[in-house]
Protein backbone atom coordinates (compact mmCIF):
# COMPACT_ATOMS: atom_id res chain seq x y z
CA MET A 1 35.82 98.38 83.18
CA VAL A 2 33.91 100.38 80.51
CA GLN A 3 32.49 103.66 81.74
CA LEU A 4 29.04 104.31 80.31
CA PRO A 5 27.47 107.82 80.03
CA THR A 6 25.33 108.61 83.08
CA GLY A 7 22.19 109.44 81.07
CA LEU A 8 22.49 106.60 78.60
CA LEU A 9 19.08 105.14 79.65
CA ALA A 10 17.36 108.45 80.59
CA GLY A 11 13.70 108.31 79.68
CA LYS A 12 13.74 104.49 79.34
CA SER A 13 11.76 102.01 81.35
CA ALA A 14 13.12 98.69 82.68
CA LEU A 15 11.28 95.77 84.25
CA VAL A 16 13.48 93.68 86.49
CA VAL A 17 12.08 90.28 87.52
CA GLY A 18 14.02 88.13 89.96
CA ILE A 19 15.59 90.26 92.64
CA ALA A 20 15.87 88.13 95.77
CA ASN A 21 18.27 90.27 97.82
CA GLU A 22 21.17 92.72 97.54
CA ASN A 23 23.41 89.92 96.20
CA SER A 24 21.13 89.09 93.25
CA ILE A 25 22.44 89.52 89.73
CA ALA A 26 19.02 91.09 89.02
CA TYR A 27 19.67 93.68 91.69
CA GLY A 28 23.04 94.51 90.13
CA CYS A 29 21.28 95.00 86.83
CA ALA A 30 18.62 97.20 88.41
CA LYS A 31 21.23 99.35 90.11
CA ALA A 32 23.19 99.73 86.84
CA PHE A 33 20.05 100.65 84.85
CA ARG A 34 19.04 103.23 87.47
CA ALA A 35 22.54 104.73 87.54
CA LEU A 36 22.28 105.11 83.73
CA GLY A 37 18.98 106.94 84.14
CA ALA A 38 16.27 104.31 83.58
CA GLU A 39 13.05 104.20 85.59
CA LEU A 40 12.39 100.81 87.10
CA ALA A 41 9.56 98.39 87.69
CA VAL A 42 10.60 95.66 90.15
CA THR A 43 8.79 92.52 91.13
CA TYR A 44 8.95 90.22 94.14
CA LEU A 45 7.72 86.63 94.28
CA ASN A 46 5.35 86.76 97.26
CA GLU A 47 4.68 88.36 100.68
CA LYS A 48 7.55 86.38 102.16
CA ALA A 49 10.00 87.92 99.63
CA LYS A 50 8.53 91.43 99.77
CA PRO A 51 10.45 92.61 102.93
CA HIS A 52 13.73 91.66 101.18
CA VAL A 53 12.95 93.18 97.79
CA ALA A 54 10.74 96.17 98.36
CA PRO A 55 13.35 98.20 100.36
CA LEU A 56 15.91 97.65 97.56
CA ALA A 57 13.39 98.73 94.93
CA GLU A 58 12.37 101.78 96.99
CA ALA A 59 16.04 102.76 97.46
CA LEU A 60 16.37 102.73 93.65
CA GLY A 61 13.28 104.94 93.35
CA ALA A 62 11.23 102.30 91.48
CA PRO A 63 7.73 103.72 90.86
CA VAL A 64 6.36 100.24 90.16
CA ILE A 65 6.92 97.56 92.82
CA MET A 66 4.58 94.59 92.53
CA PRO A 67 4.24 90.87 93.31
CA LEU A 68 4.79 88.50 90.44
CA ASP A 69 4.58 84.75 90.43
CA VAL A 70 4.98 84.04 86.75
CA ARG A 71 2.57 81.11 87.07
CA SER A 72 -0.26 83.54 87.89
CA GLU A 73 -1.97 85.02 84.84
CA ASP A 74 -3.75 87.50 87.07
CA GLN A 75 -0.44 88.88 88.42
CA LEU A 76 0.96 89.02 84.92
CA ASP A 77 -2.10 90.94 83.77
CA GLU A 78 -1.79 93.35 86.70
CA LEU A 79 1.94 93.93 86.19
CA PHE A 80 1.70 94.61 82.45
CA ALA A 81 -1.34 96.89 83.01
CA ALA A 82 0.73 98.90 85.54
CA VAL A 83 3.70 99.06 83.19
CA LYS A 84 1.52 100.12 80.30
CA ALA A 85 -0.20 102.77 82.40
CA ARG A 86 3.07 104.16 83.67
CA TRP A 87 5.21 104.15 80.47
CA GLY A 88 3.07 102.80 77.62
CA GLY A 89 5.58 99.99 77.14
CA LEU A 90 9.01 98.69 78.08
CA ASP A 91 12.50 99.37 76.86
CA VAL A 92 14.32 96.77 78.94
CA LEU A 93 13.24 93.44 80.45
CA VAL A 94 15.48 91.47 82.78
CA HIS A 95 14.25 87.92 83.45
CA SER A 96 16.40 86.62 86.28
CA ILE A 97 14.08 84.17 87.99
CA ALA A 98 15.06 80.60 88.75
CA TYR A 99 11.86 78.76 88.12
CA ALA A 100 11.88 75.49 86.21
CA PRO A 101 8.77 73.36 85.78
CA LYS A 102 9.06 69.74 86.92
CA ALA A 103 7.39 68.45 83.78
CA ASP A 104 8.03 69.44 80.19
CA ASP A 105 4.32 70.11 79.68
CA ALA A 106 3.97 72.60 82.55
CA PRO A 107 2.31 75.89 81.47
CA THR A 108 4.66 78.79 80.95
CA ALA A 109 2.42 81.84 81.01
CA PHE A 110 5.44 84.08 81.28
CA PHE A 111 6.50 83.09 77.75
CA ASP A 112 3.04 83.99 76.46
CA TRP A 113 3.33 87.36 78.18
CA LEU A 114 6.78 88.00 76.70
CA GLU A 115 5.31 87.34 73.30
CA PHE A 116 2.33 89.55 74.04
CA ALA A 117 4.40 92.32 75.67
CA GLY A 118 6.75 92.40 72.71
CA GLY A 119 4.28 94.62 70.90
CA TYR A 120 4.36 97.07 73.76
CA VAL A 121 8.10 96.91 74.07
CA ASP A 122 8.51 98.25 70.55
CA GLY A 123 5.59 100.65 71.03
CA HIS A 124 3.58 99.45 68.03
CA ALA A 125 0.94 97.19 69.61
CA PRO A 126 -2.69 97.95 68.54
CA ALA A 127 -4.78 99.24 71.38
CA ASP A 128 -7.20 96.37 71.15
CA ARG A 129 -4.54 93.63 71.40
CA VAL A 130 -5.56 91.01 73.96
CA PRO A 131 -3.24 88.69 75.84
CA PRO A 132 -3.07 85.04 74.84
CA THR A 133 -5.34 82.69 76.71
CA ARG A 134 -4.01 79.31 75.58
CA PRO A 135 -1.46 77.92 78.10
CA ARG A 136 1.79 77.27 76.40
CA THR A 137 4.23 74.47 77.14
CA VAL A 138 7.94 74.15 77.20
CA ALA A 139 7.67 72.34 73.86
CA ASP A 140 6.03 75.45 72.38
CA THR A 141 9.07 77.56 73.25
CA GLU A 142 11.62 75.62 71.16
CA PRO A 143 13.72 77.92 68.99
CA ASN A 144 12.75 78.23 65.34
CA GLY A 145 14.90 76.08 63.08
């Protein structure tokens, strides 16, 4: 196994979405990022999931631990506001949730937010940038030819 330098991610921020328990791939990612020096933001799906996820996030010293149902634009707004307030942007995003809409035309607000947050990830978003309001569909997320 490759040994990475301990401080490789020092001063970096990482948002980890999708930790369900200590066996989650997302939790393994969060542990690795923390061991390499990153600060973490960790989300949990709902109050039922919180007792399983929050203690793991707390053990990793995550300063941001919040609920996130990616179908909720309000929760997305709150999460990205907290991330922006804490770090000004993101360096790493782990999307490890297992949500799949039943219909191809189901809204995917998370994809809108990934597009919107991209400006904050690279640190060059104008201060007056507003999040998208038009619901997107799976068809809108097809790769460019």
